[in-house]
PDB file of N, CA and C in Angstrom:
ATOM      1  N   MET A   1       0.993  -0.940  -0.118  1.00  0.00           N
ATOM      2  CA  MET A   1      -0.190  -0.091  -0.206  1.00  0.00           C
ATOM      3  C   MET A   1       0.352   0.871  -0.118  1.00  0.00           C
ATOM      4  N   ASN A   2       2.128   1.422   0.728  1.00  0.00           N
ATOM      5  CA  ASN A   2       2.807   2.295   0.502  1.00  0.00           C
ATOM      6  C   ASN A   2       3.530   2.404  -0.823  1.00  0.00           C
ATOM      7  N   PHE A   3       3.734   1.679  -1.434  1.00  0.00           N
ATOM      8  CA  PHE A   3       4.325   1.297  -2.572  1.00  0.00           C
ATOM      9  C   PHE A   3       3.326   2.490  -3.253  1.00  0.00           C
ATOM     10  N   ASN A   4       2.137   2.173  -3.695  1.00  0.00           N
ATOM     11  CA  ASN A   4       1.284   2.787  -4.743  1.00  0.00           C
ATOM     12  C   ASN A   4       1.432   4.364  -4.106  1.00  0.00           C
ATOM     13  N   VAL A   5       1.705   4.881  -2.821  1.00  0.00           N
ATOM     14  CA  VAL A   5       1.441   6.715  -2.482  1.00  0.00           C
ATOM     15  C   VAL A   5       2.557   6.470  -2.881  1.00  0.00           C
ATOM     16  N   MET A   6       3.976   6.490  -2.580  1.00  0.00           N
ATOM     17  CA  MET A   6       5.586   6.862  -3.016  1.00  0.00           C
ATOM     18  C   MET A   6       5.423   6.815  -4.643  1.00  0.00           C
ATOM     19  N   ASP A   7       4.857   5.850  -5.428  1.00  0.00           N
ATOM     20  CA  ASP A   7       5.028   5.660  -6.659  1.00  0.00           C
ATOM     21  C   ASP A   7       4.035   7.032  -7.323  1.00  0.00           C
ATOM     22  N   ALA A   8       2.744   7.354  -6.779  1.00  0.00           N
ATOM     23  CA  ALA A   8       2.007   8.580  -7.261  1.00  0.00           C
ATOM     24  C   ALA A   8       2.916   9.979  -6.715  1.00  0.00           C
ATOM     25  N   ALA A   9       3.352   9.895  -6.122  1.00  0.00           N
ATOM     26  CA  ALA A   9       4.622  11.437  -5.922  1.00  0.00           C
ATOM     27  C   ALA A   9       5.462  11.291  -6.019  1.00  0.00           C
ATOM     28  N   GLY A  10       6.595  10.447  -6.656  1.00  0.00           N
ATOM     29  CA  GLY A  10       7.362  10.493  -7.717  1.00  0.00           C
ATOM     30  C   GLY A  10       6.627  10.886  -9.444  1.00  0.00           C
ATOM     31  N   THR A  11       5.585  10.173  -9.526  1.00  0.00           N
ATOM     32  CA  THR A  11       5.165  11.278 -11.048  1.00  0.00           C
ATOM     33  C   THR A  11       4.574  11.979 -10.566  1.00  0.00           C
ATOM     34  N   ALA A  12       3.730  12.792  -9.934  1.00  0.00           N
ATOM     35  CA  ALA A  12       3.343  13.747  -9.964  1.00  0.00           C
ATOM     36  C   ALA A  12       4.793  15.109  -9.448  1.00  0.00           C
ATOM     37  N   ALA A  13       6.092  14.642  -9.068  1.00  0.00           N
ATOM     38  CA  ALA A  13       7.264  15.510  -8.898  1.00  0.00           C
ATOM     39  C   ALA A  13       8.179  15.313 -10.403  1.00  0.00           C
ATOM     40  N   THR A  14       8.113  14.727 -10.918  1.00  0.00           N
ATOM     41  CA  THR A  14       8.786  14.900 -12.728  1.00  0.00           C
ATOM     42  C   THR A  14       7.639  15.319 -13.318  1.00  0.00           C
ATOM     43  N   GLY A  15       6.468  15.409 -13.225  1.00  0.00           N
ATOM     44  CA  GLY A  15       5.455  16.006 -14.153  1.00  0.00           C
ATOM     45  C   GLY A  15       5.376  17.415 -14.233  1.00  0.00           C
ATOM     46  N   GLY A  16       5.796  18.023 -13.012  1.00  0.00           N
ATOM     47  CA  GLY A  16       5.674  19.684 -12.212  1.00  0.00           C
ATOM     48  C   GLY A  16       7.121  19.791 -13.472  1.00  0.00           C
ATOM     49  N   TRP A  17       8.346  19.657 -13.559  1.00  0.00           N
ATOM     50  CA  TRP A  17       9.494  20.297 -14.437  1.00  0.00           C
ATOM     51  C   TRP A  17       8.246  20.707 -15.829  1.00  0.00           C
ATOM     52  N   GLY A  18       7.834  19.252 -16.580  1.00  0.00           N
ATOM     53  CA  GLY A  18       7.083  19.225 -17.879  1.00  0.00           C
ATOM     54  C   GLY A  18       6.206  20.427 -17.906  1.00  0.00           C
ATOM     55  N   SER A  19       5.385  20.796 -17.085  1.00  0.00           N
ATOM     56  CA  SER A  19       4.475  21.661 -17.119  1.00  0.00           C
ATOM     57  C   SER A  19       4.768  23.446 -16.927  1.00  0.00           C
ATOM     58  N   MET A  20       5.889  23.297 -16.083  1.00  0.00           N
ATOM     59  CA  MET A  20       6.573  24.617 -15.724  1.00  0.00           C
ATOM     60  C   MET A  20       7.355  24.801 -17.075  1.00  0.00           C
ATOM     61  N   LEU A  21       8.248  23.804 -18.169  1.00  0.00           N
ATOM     62  CA  LEU A  21       8.062  24.601 -19.210  1.00  0.00           C
ATOM     63  C   LEU A  21       7.282  24.682 -19.856  1.00  0.00           C
ATOM     64  N   ILE A  22       6.176  24.339 -20.176  1.00  0.00           N
ATOM     65  CA  ILE A  22       5.314  24.765 -21.277  1.00  0.00           C
ATOM     66  C   ILE A  22       4.795  25.414 -20.826  1.00  0.00           C
ATOM     67  N   MET A  23       4.434  26.206 -19.163  1.00  0.00           N
ATOM     68  CA  MET A  23       4.267  27.450 -18.715  1.00  0.00           C
ATOM     69  C   MET A  23       5.216  28.842 -19.084  1.00  0.00           C
ATOM     70  N   LEU A  24       6.180  28.671 -19.281  1.00  0.00           N
ATOM     71  CA  LEU A  24       7.088  29.374 -19.540  1.00  0.00           C
ATOM     72  C   LEU A  24       7.187  29.603 -21.431  1.00  0.00           C
ATOM     73  N   VAL A  25       6.871  28.650 -21.829  1.00  0.00           N
ATOM     74  CA  VAL A  25       6.846  28.557 -23.778  1.00  0.00           C
ATOM     75  C   VAL A  25       5.567  29.230 -23.684  1.00  0.00           C
ATOM     76  N   VAL A  26       4.721  29.251 -23.243  1.00  0.00           N
ATOM     77  CA  VAL A  26       3.370  30.134 -23.522  1.00  0.00           C
ATOM     78  C   VAL A  26       3.729  31.037 -22.766  1.00  0.00           C
ATOM     79  N   TYR A  27       4.213  31.551 -21.936  1.00  0.00           N
ATOM     80  CA  TYR A  27       4.118  33.419 -21.329  1.00  0.00           C
ATOM     81  C   TYR A  27       5.317  33.817 -22.611  1.00  0.00           C
ATOM     82  N   GLY A  28       6.439  33.128 -22.791  1.00  0.00           N
ATOM     83  CA  GLY A  28       7.392  33.912 -23.971  1.00  0.00           C
ATOM     84  C   GLY A  28       6.781  33.728 -25.163  1.00  0.00           C
ATOM     85  N   GLY A  29       5.691  33.046 -25.636  1.00  0.00           N
ATOM     86  CA  GLY A  29       4.841  33.412 -26.926  1.00  0.00           C
ATOM     87  C   GLY A  29       4.092  34.468 -26.542  1.00  0.00           C
ATOM     88  N   LEU A  30       3.439  34.290 -25.546  1.00  0.00           N
ATOM     89  CA  LEU A  30       2.423  35.748 -25.308  1.00  0.00           C
ATOM     90  C   LEU A  30       3.396  37.204 -25.344  1.00  0.00           C
ATOM     91  N   ILE A  31       4.567  37.192 -25.082  1.00  0.00           N
ATOM     92  CA  ILE A  31       5.228  38.218 -24.896  1.00  0.00           C
ATOM     93  C   ILE A  31       5.892  38.587 -26.191  1.00  0.00           C
ATOM     94  N   ALA A  32       6.288  37.568 -27.168  1.00  0.00           N
ATOM     95  CA  ALA A  32       6.702  37.833 -28.432  1.00  0.00           C
ATOM     96  C   ALA A  32       5.531  38.655 -29.263  1.00  0.00           C
ATOM     97  N   ALA A  33       3.724  37.959 -28.904  1.00  0.00           N
ATOM     98  CA  ALA A  33       3.274  38.091 -29.507  1.00  0.00           C
ATOM     99  C   ALA A  33       2.744  39.799 -29.414  1.00  0.00           C
ATOM    100  N   MET A  34       2.928  40.219 -28.150  1.00  0.00           N
ATOM    101  CA  MET A  34       2.465  41.702 -27.837  1.00  0.00           C
ATOM    102  C   MET A  34       3.594  42.175 -28.392  1.00  0.00           C
ATOM    103  N   TYR A  35       5.130  41.894 -28.320  1.00  0.00           N
ATOM    104  CA  TYR A  35       6.076  42.929 -29.190  1.00  0.00           C
ATOM    105  C   TYR A  35       5.432  43.172 -30.388  1.00  0.00           C
ATOM    106  N   PHE A  36       5.075  41.768 -31.132  1.00  0.00           N
ATOM    107  CA  PHE A  36       4.880  42.152 -32.432  1.00  0.00           C
ATOM    108  C   PHE A  36       3.398  42.864 -32.621  1.00  0.00           C
ATOM    109  N   ILE A  37       2.673  42.615 -31.518  1.00  0.00           N
ATOM    110  CA  ILE A  37       1.476  43.539 -31.597  1.00  0.00           C
ATOM    111  C   ILE A  37       1.541  44.885 -31.742  1.00  0.00           C
ATOM    112  N   PHE A  38       1.988  45.433 -30.404  1.00  0.00           N
ATOM    113  CA  PHE A  38       1.815  46.538 -29.674  1.00  0.00           C
ATOM    114  C   PHE A  38       2.882  47.378 -30.361  1.00  0.00           C
ATOM    115  N   PHE A  39       4.048  46.705 -29.818  1.00  0.00           N
ATOM    116  CA  PHE A  39       5.402  47.906 -29.765  1.00  0.00           C
ATOM    117  C   PHE A  39       5.903  48.138 -31.049  1.00  0.00           C
ATOM    118  N   ARG A  40       6.020  47.172 -31.724  1.00  0.00           N
ATOM    119  CA  ARG A  40       6.656  47.250 -32.834  1.00  0.00           C
ATOM    120  C   ARG A  40       5.845  48.201 -33.812  1.00  0.00           C
ATOM    121  N   PRO A  41       4.704  47.886 -33.851  1.00  0.00           N
ATOM    122  CA  PRO A  41       4.236  49.276 -34.977  1.00  0.00           C
ATOM    123  C   PRO A  41       4.398  50.680 -34.148  1.00  0.00           C
ATOM    124  N   GLN A  42       4.221  51.256 -32.788  1.00  0.00           N
ATOM    125  CA  GLN A  42       4.629  51.682 -32.332  1.00  0.00           C
ATOM    126  C   GLN A  42       5.578  52.578 -32.512  1.00  0.00           C
ATOM    127  N   SER A  43       6.929  51.489 -32.912  1.00  0.00           N
ATOM    128  CA  SER A  43       8.452  52.273 -33.063  1.00  0.00           C
ATOM    129  C   SER A  43       8.588  52.818 -34.703  1.00  0.00           C
ATOM    130  N   LYS A  44       7.665  51.857 -35.388  1.00  0.00           N
ATOM    131  CA  LYS A  44       7.729  51.958 -36.949  1.00  0.00           C
ATOM    132  C   LYS A  44       6.856  53.838 -37.422  1.00  0.00           C
ATOM    133  N   LYS A  45       5.867  53.852 -36.494  1.00  0.00           N
ATOM    134  CA  LYS A  45       5.147  55.027 -36.332  1.00  0.00           C
ATOM    135  C   LYS A  45       6.268  56.447 -35.711  1.00  0.00           C
ATOM    136  N   LYS A  46       6.911  55.913 -34.785  1.00  0.00           N
ATOM    137  CA  LYS A  46       7.590  56.811 -34.407  1.00  0.00           C
ATOM    138  C   LYS A  46       9.009  57.345 -35.235  1.00  0.00           C
ATOM    139  N   LYS A  47       9.512  55.809 -36.161  1.00  0.00           N
ATOM    140  CA  LYS A  47      10.066  56.620 -36.906  1.00  0.00           C
ATOM    141  C   LYS A  47       9.587  57.448 -38.050  1.00  0.00           C
ATOM    142  N   LYS A  48       8.860  56.944 -38.762  1.00  0.00           N
ATOM    143  CA  LYS A  48       7.921  57.341 -39.251  1.00  0.00           C
ATOM    144  C   LYS A  48       7.654  59.206 -39.269  1.00  0.00           C
ATOM    145  N   GLU A  49       7.522  59.606 -38.376  1.00  0.00           N
ATOM    146  CA  GLU A  49       6.936  60.671 -37.938  1.00  0.00           C
ATOM    147  C   GLU A  49       8.242  61.539 -37.493  1.00  0.00           C
ATOM    148  N   ALA A  50       9.359  61.098 -36.768  1.00  0.00           N
ATOM    149  CA  ALA A  50      10.277  61.761 -37.068  1.00  0.00           C
ATOM    150  C   ALA A  50      11.170  62.224 -38.465  1.00  0.00           C
ATOM    151  N   GLU A  51      10.804  61.195 -39.016  1.00  0.00           N
ATOM    152  CA  GLU A  51      11.256  61.245 -40.819  1.00  0.00           C
ATOM    153  C   GLU A  51      10.487  62.587 -41.386  1.00  0.00           C
ATOM    154  N   MET A  52       9.298  62.285 -40.690  1.00  0.00           N
ATOM    155  CA  MET A  52       8.480  63.527 -41.725  1.00  0.00           C
ATOM    156  C   MET A  52       8.575  65.105 -40.504  1.00  0.00           C
ATOM    157  N   ARG A  53       9.081  65.003 -39.672  1.00  0.00           N
ATOM    158  CA  ARG A  53       9.485  66.444 -39.304  1.00  0.00           C
ATOM    159  C   ARG A  53      10.887  66.724 -39.329  1.00  0.00           C
ATOM    160  N   LYS A  54      11.785  65.837 -39.822  1.00  0.00           N
ATOM    161  CA  LYS A  54      13.294  66.104 -40.386  1.00  0.00           C
ATOM    162  C   LYS A  54      13.205  66.455 -41.705  1.00  0.00           C
ATOM    163  N   ASN A  55      12.159  66.205 -42.029  1.00  0.00           N
ATOM    164  CA  ASN A  55      12.453  66.617 -43.918  1.00  0.00           C
ATOM    165  C   ASN A  55      11.107  68.050 -44.234  1.00  0.00           C
ATOM    166  N   ALA A  56      10.674  68.708 -43.034  1.00  0.00           N
ATOM    167  CA  ALA A  56      10.027  69.497 -43.579  1.00  0.00           C
ATOM    168  C   ALA A  56      10.970  70.849 -43.708  1.00  0.00           C
ATOM    169  N   GLN A  57      10.311  71.453 -45.144  1.00  0.00           N
ATOM    170  CA  GLN A  57      11.127  72.547 -45.228  1.00  0.00           C
ATOM    171  C   GLN A  57      10.139  73.661 -46.007  1.00  0.00           C
ATOM    172  N   VAL A  58      11.100  74.537 -46.204  1.00  0.00           N
ATOM    173  CA  VAL A  58       9.988  76.265 -46.241  1.00  0.00           C
ATOM    174  C   VAL A  58       9.175  75.925 -47.639  1.00  0.00           C
ATOM    175  N   GLY A  59       7.958  76.473 -47.160  1.00  0.00           N
ATOM    176  CA  GLY A  59       7.008  76.390 -48.184  1.00  0.00           C
ATOM    177  C   GLY A  59       5.894  74.954 -47.756  1.00  0.00           C
ATOM    178  N   ASP A  60       6.186  74.564 -46.869  1.00  0.00           N
ATOM    179  CA  ASP A  60       5.241  73.371 -46.841  1.00  0.00           C
ATOM    180  C   ASP A  60       4.216  73.901 -45.525  1.00  0.00           C
ATOM    181  N   GLU A  61       2.933  73.250 -45.879  1.00  0.00           N
ATOM    182  CA  GLU A  61       1.724  73.540 -44.841  1.00  0.00           C
ATOM    183  C   GLU A  61       2.130  72.927 -43.915  1.00  0.00           C
ATOM    184  N   VAL A  62       2.172  73.003 -42.487  1.00  0.00           N
ATOM    185  CA  VAL A  62       2.117  71.952 -41.083  1.00  0.00           C
ATOM    186  C   VAL A  62       0.844  72.240 -40.203  1.00  0.00           C
ATOM    187  N   THR A  63       0.957  71.461 -39.538  1.00  0.00           N
ATOM    188  CA  THR A  63      -0.285  71.438 -38.313  1.00  0.00           C
ATOM    189  C   THR A  63       0.228  71.062 -36.916  1.00  0.00           C
ATOM    190  N   THR A  64       0.535  72.247 -36.250  1.00  0.00           N
ATOM    191  CA  THR A  64       1.488  71.648 -35.070  1.00  0.00           C
ATOM    192  C   THR A  64       0.354  70.598 -33.987  1.00  0.00           C
ATOM    193  N   ILE A  65       1.037  70.043 -33.077  1.00  0.00           N
ATOM    194  CA  ILE A  65       0.405  69.307 -32.121  1.00  0.00           C
ATOM    195  C   ILE A  65      -0.866  69.989 -30.982  1.00  0.00           C
ATOM    196  N   GLY A  66      -0.888  71.385 -31.209  1.00  0.00           N
ATOM    197  CA  GLY A  66      -1.305  72.328 -30.580  1.00  0.00           C
ATOM    198  C   GLY A  66      -2.977  72.857 -31.456  1.00  0.00           C
ATOM    199  N   GLY A  67      -2.549  72.624 -32.557  1.00  0.00           N
ATOM    200  CA  GLY A  67      -3.537  72.834 -33.818  1.00  0.00           C
ATOM    201  C   GLY A  67      -3.298  73.805 -34.333  1.00  0.00           C
ATOM    202  N   ILE A  68      -2.593  74.128 -34.162  1.00  0.00           N
ATOM    203  CA  ILE A  68      -1.968  75.930 -35.086  1.00  0.00           C
ATOM    204  C   ILE A  68      -1.627  75.350 -36.669  1.00  0.00           C
ATOM    205  N   CYS A  69      -2.513  76.362 -37.331  1.00  0.00           N
ATOM    206  CA  CYS A  69      -1.910  75.405 -38.468  1.00  0.00           C
ATOM    207  C   CYS A  69      -1.238  76.611 -39.523  1.00  0.00           C
ATOM    208  N   GLY A  70      -0.345  76.435 -40.588  1.00  0.00           N
ATOM    209  CA  GLY A  70       0.439  77.707 -41.396  1.00  0.00           C
ATOM    210  C   GLY A  70       1.401  77.092 -42.306  1.00  0.00           C
ATOM    211  N   ARG A  71       1.839  78.076 -42.609  1.00  0.00           N
ATOM    212  CA  ARG A  71       3.457  77.834 -43.521  1.00  0.00           C
ATOM    213  C   ARG A  71       4.736  77.936 -42.929  1.00  0.00           C
ATOM    214  N   ILE A  72       5.162  76.921 -43.192  1.00  0.00           N
ATOM    215  CA  ILE A  72       7.054  77.224 -42.591  1.00  0.00           C
ATOM    216  C   ILE A  72       7.675  77.951 -43.338  1.00  0.00           C
ATOM    217  N   ILE A  73       8.066  79.080 -42.859  1.00  0.00           N
ATOM    218  CA  ILE A  73       8.882  80.149 -43.705  1.00  0.00           C
ATOM    219  C   ILE A  73      10.488  80.464 -43.458  1.00  0.00           C
ATOM    220  N   ALA A  74      10.450  79.646 -42.528  1.00  0.00           N
ATOM    221  CA  ALA A  74      12.150  79.384 -41.918  1.00  0.00           C
ATOM    222  C   ALA A  74      12.650  78.728 -41.063  1.00  0.00           C
ATOM    223  N   VAL A  75      13.711  77.408 -41.134  1.00  0.00           N
ATOM    224  CA  VAL A  75      14.049  76.481 -40.590  1.00  0.00           C
ATOM    225  C   VAL A  75      14.870  76.859 -39.814  1.00  0.00           C
ATOM    226  N   LYS A  76      15.334  76.902 -38.684  1.00  0.00           N
ATOM    227  CA  LYS A  76      16.209  76.794 -38.125  1.00  0.00           C
ATOM    228  C   LYS A  76      17.373  75.747 -37.539  1.00  0.00           C
ATOM    229  N   ASP A  77      17.870  74.691 -37.856  1.00  0.00           N
ATOM    230  CA  ASP A  77      18.789  73.798 -37.744  1.00  0.00           C
ATOM    231  C   ASP A  77      19.578  73.645 -36.300  1.00  0.00           C
ATOM    232  N   GLU A  78      19.851  75.310 -36.308  1.00  0.00           N
ATOM    233  CA  GLU A  78      21.093  74.918 -34.994  1.00  0.00           C
ATOM    234  C   GLU A  78      19.785  75.003 -33.845  1.00  0.00           C
ATOM    235  N   THR A  79      19.008  75.306 -33.879  1.00  0.00           N
ATOM    236  CA  THR A  79      18.162  75.419 -32.758  1.00  0.00           C
ATOM    237  C   THR A  79      16.989  74.297 -32.785  1.00  0.00           C
ATOM    238  N   GLU A  80      16.960  73.450 -33.553  1.00  0.00           N
ATOM    239  CA  GLU A  80      15.899  72.703 -33.933  1.00  0.00           C
ATOM    240  C   GLU A  80      14.473  73.196 -33.914  1.00  0.00           C
ATOM    241  N   SER A  81      14.160  74.469 -34.508  1.00  0.00           N
ATOM    242  CA  SER A  81      12.630  74.925 -34.578  1.00  0.00           C
ATOM    243  C   SER A  81      12.605  75.490 -36.239  1.00  0.00           C
ATOM    244  N   VAL A  82      11.435  75.506 -36.092  1.00  0.00           N
ATOM    245  CA  VAL A  82      10.880  76.589 -37.400  1.00  0.00           C
ATOM    246  C   VAL A  82      10.180  77.537 -37.184  1.00  0.00           C
ATOM    247  N   ILE A  83      10.143  78.565 -38.400  1.00  0.00           N
ATOM    248  CA  ILE A  83       9.355  79.495 -38.232  1.00  0.00           C
ATOM    249  C   ILE A  83       7.808  79.583 -39.155  1.00  0.00           C
ATOM    250  N   ILE A  84       6.948  79.831 -38.448  1.00  0.00           N
ATOM    251  CA  ILE A  84       5.413  79.328 -39.264  1.00  0.00           C
ATOM    252  C   ILE A  84       4.609  80.786 -39.504  1.00  0.00           C
ATOM    253  N   GLU A  85       4.242  80.769 -40.383  1.00  0.00           N
ATOM    254  CA  GLU A  85       3.395  81.974 -40.625  1.00  0.00           C
ATOM    255  C   GLU A  85       2.183  81.509 -40.818  1.00  0.00           C
ATOM    256  N   THR A  86       0.721  82.111 -40.056  1.00  0.00           N
ATOM    257  CA  THR A  86      -0.501  81.821 -39.812  1.00  0.00           C
ATOM    258  C   THR A  86      -1.312  82.730 -40.074  1.00  0.00           C
ATOM    259  N   GLY A  87      -2.621  82.287 -40.832  1.00  0.00           N
ATOM    260  CA  GLY A  87      -3.648  83.353 -41.183  1.00  0.00           C
ATOM    261  C   GLY A  87      -3.201  84.403 -41.896  1.00  0.00           C
ATOM    262  N   SER A  88      -4.370  85.228 -42.271  1.00  0.00           N
ATOM    263  CA  SER A  88      -3.986  86.378 -43.314  1.00  0.00           C
ATOM    264  C   SER A  88      -3.483  87.308 -42.611  1.00  0.00           C
ATOM    265  N   ASP A  89      -3.558  87.567 -41.442  1.00  0.00           N
ATOM    266  CA  ASP A  89      -2.827  88.602 -40.936  1.00  0.00           C
ATOM    267  C   ASP A  89      -1.476  88.158 -40.474  1.00  0.00           C
ATOM    268  N   ARG A  90      -0.754  86.951 -41.243  1.00  0.00           N
ATOM    269  CA  ARG A  90       0.653  86.917 -41.239  1.00  0.00           C
ATOM    270  C   ARG A  90       1.488  87.063 -39.964  1.00  0.00           C
ATOM    271  N   ALA A  91       0.513  86.529 -38.698  1.00  0.00           N
ATOM    272  CA  ALA A  91       1.113  86.157 -37.794  1.00  0.00           C
ATOM    273  C   ALA A  91       2.278  85.264 -38.014  1.00  0.00           C
ATOM    274  N   ARG A  92       3.635  85.530 -37.096  1.00  0.00           N
ATOM    275  CA  ARG A  92       4.670  84.079 -37.358  1.00  0.00           C
ATOM    276  C   ARG A  92       5.041  83.562 -35.858  1.00  0.00           C
ATOM    277  N   LEU A  93       4.918  82.546 -35.591  1.00  0.00           N
ATOM    278  CA  LEU A  93       5.261  81.664 -34.496  1.00  0.00           C
ATOM    279  C   LEU A  93       6.484  81.217 -34.962  1.00  0.00           C
ATOM    280  N   ARG A  94       7.520  80.794 -33.957  1.00  0.00           N
ATOM    281  CA  ARG A  94       8.354  79.544 -33.607  1.00  0.00           C
ATOM    282  C   ARG A  94       8.526  78.747 -32.674  1.00  0.00           C
ATOM    283  N   VAL A  95       8.398  77.247 -33.432  1.00  0.00           N
ATOM    284  CA  VAL A  95       7.463  76.145 -33.024  1.00  0.00           C
ATOM    285  C   VAL A  95       9.235  75.467 -32.991  1.00  0.00           C
ATOM    286  N   LYS A  96       8.864  74.191 -32.160  1.00  0.00           N
ATOM    287  CA  LYS A  96      10.121  73.438 -32.030  1.00  0.00           C
ATOM    288  C   LYS A  96       9.521  72.122 -32.940  1.00  0.00           C
ATOM    289  N   ARG A  97      10.571  71.269 -34.197  1.00  0.00           N
ATOM    290  CA  ARG A  97      10.313  70.837 -34.535  1.00  0.00           C
ATOM    291  C   ARG A  97       9.503  69.486 -34.335  1.00  0.00           C
ATOM    292  N   TRP A  98       9.534  69.389 -32.651  1.00  0.00           N
ATOM    293  CA  TRP A  98       8.681  67.799 -32.300  1.00  0.00           C
ATOM    294  C   TRP A  98       7.430  68.245 -32.260  1.00  0.00           C
ATOM    295  N   ALA A  99       7.412  70.048 -32.325  1.00  0.00           N
ATOM    296  CA  ALA A  99       6.069  70.335 -32.359  1.00  0.00           C
ATOM    297  C   ALA A  99       4.734  70.153 -33.043  1.00  0.00           C
ATOM    298  N   ILE A 100       5.635  69.984 -34.762  1.00  0.00           N
ATOM    299  CA  ILE A 100       4.861  69.524 -35.499  1.00  0.00           C
ATOM    300  C   ILE A 100       4.131  68.631 -35.267  1.00  0.00           C
ATOM    301  N   GLY A 101       2.979  68.231 -35.889  1.00  0.00           N
ATOM    302  CA  GLY A 101       1.995  67.101 -35.795  1.00  0.00           C
ATOM    303  C   GLY A 101       1.810  66.439 -36.969  1.00  0.00           C
ATOM    304  N   ASN A 102       1.728  67.577 -38.139  1.00  0.00           N
ATOM    305  CA  ASN A 102       1.414  66.699 -39.583  1.00  0.00           C
ATOM    306  C   ASN A 102       1.921  67.709 -40.312  1.00  0.00           C
ATOM    307  N   VAL A 103       2.769  67.249 -41.658  1.00  0.00           N
ATOM    308  CA  VAL A 103       3.223  68.107 -42.847  1.00  0.00           C
ATOM    309  C   VAL A 103       1.732  67.677 -44.006  1.00  0.00           C
ATOM    310  N   ASP A 104       1.229  69.055 -43.974  1.00  0.00           N
ATOM    311  CA  ASP A 104       0.114  68.656 -44.970  1.00  0.00           C
ATOM    312  C   ASP A 104       0.492  68.746 -46.581  1.00  0.00           C
ATOM    313  N   THR A 105       1.693  69.317 -46.529  1.00  0.00           N
ATOM    314  CA  THR A 105       2.253  69.527 -47.895  1.00  0.00           C
ATOM    315  C   THR A 105       2.456  67.843 -48.872  1.00  0.00           C
ATOM    316  N   ILE A 106       2.642  67.559 -49.585  1.00  0.00           N
ATOM    317  CA  ILE A 106       2.664  66.650 -50.642  1.00  0.00           C
ATOM    318  C   ILE A 106       3.710  66.716 -51.597  1.00  0.00           C
ATOM    319  N   HIS A 107       4.911  66.432 -51.462  1.00  0.00           N
ATOM    320  CA  HIS A 107       5.803  66.525 -52.275  1.00  0.00           C
ATOM    321  C   HIS A 107       6.143  65.375 -53.123  1.00  0.00           C
ATOM    322  N   GLU A 108       6.475  65.691 -54.675  1.00  0.00           N
ATOM    323  CA  GLU A 108       6.778  64.774 -55.682  1.00  0.00           C
ATOM    324  C   GLU A 108       8.093  63.904 -55.143  1.00  0.00           C
ATOM    325  N   GLU A 109       8.411  62.554 -55.285  1.00  0.00           N
ATOM    326  CA  GLU A 109       9.408  61.543 -55.173  1.00  0.00           C
ATOM    327  C   GLU A 109      10.019  61.679 -56.628  1.00  0.00           C
ATOM    328  N   ASP A 110      11.313  61.582 -56.640  1.00  0.00           N
ATOM    329  CA  ASP A 110      12.362  60.938 -57.716  1.00  0.00           C
ATOM    330  C   ASP A 110      12.133  60.181 -57.805  1.00  0.00           C
ATOM    331  N   ALA A 111      11.621  59.611 -59.064  1.00  0.00           N
ATOM    332  CA  ALA A 111      11.983  57.922 -59.061  1.00  0.00           C
ATOM    333  C   ALA A 111      13.397  57.456 -59.222  1.00  0.00           C
TER     334      ALA A 111
END
């Protein structure tokens, strides 16, 4: 009778490592899936936005993250800022490049 109890305890002990390994593989798969679903597209979007801000040039129509719309009239690379002109009264604002939310001008790319 004691042999049956010891045999059951031995089987449970060896099965524990296998189930732990399966659990680690499942969690690893979930973490990898979260990376490819959430984090990778976000980093691609950030790179695309940084490239858009870097390529903004004089004459482009832009919208800032604060909602101000205007046309770039000067680019200051040393301070990482641009000067935009807004509205019919031609008010000028200096904003940082990181504050550009969208470049509304479409440029033709050379093939």
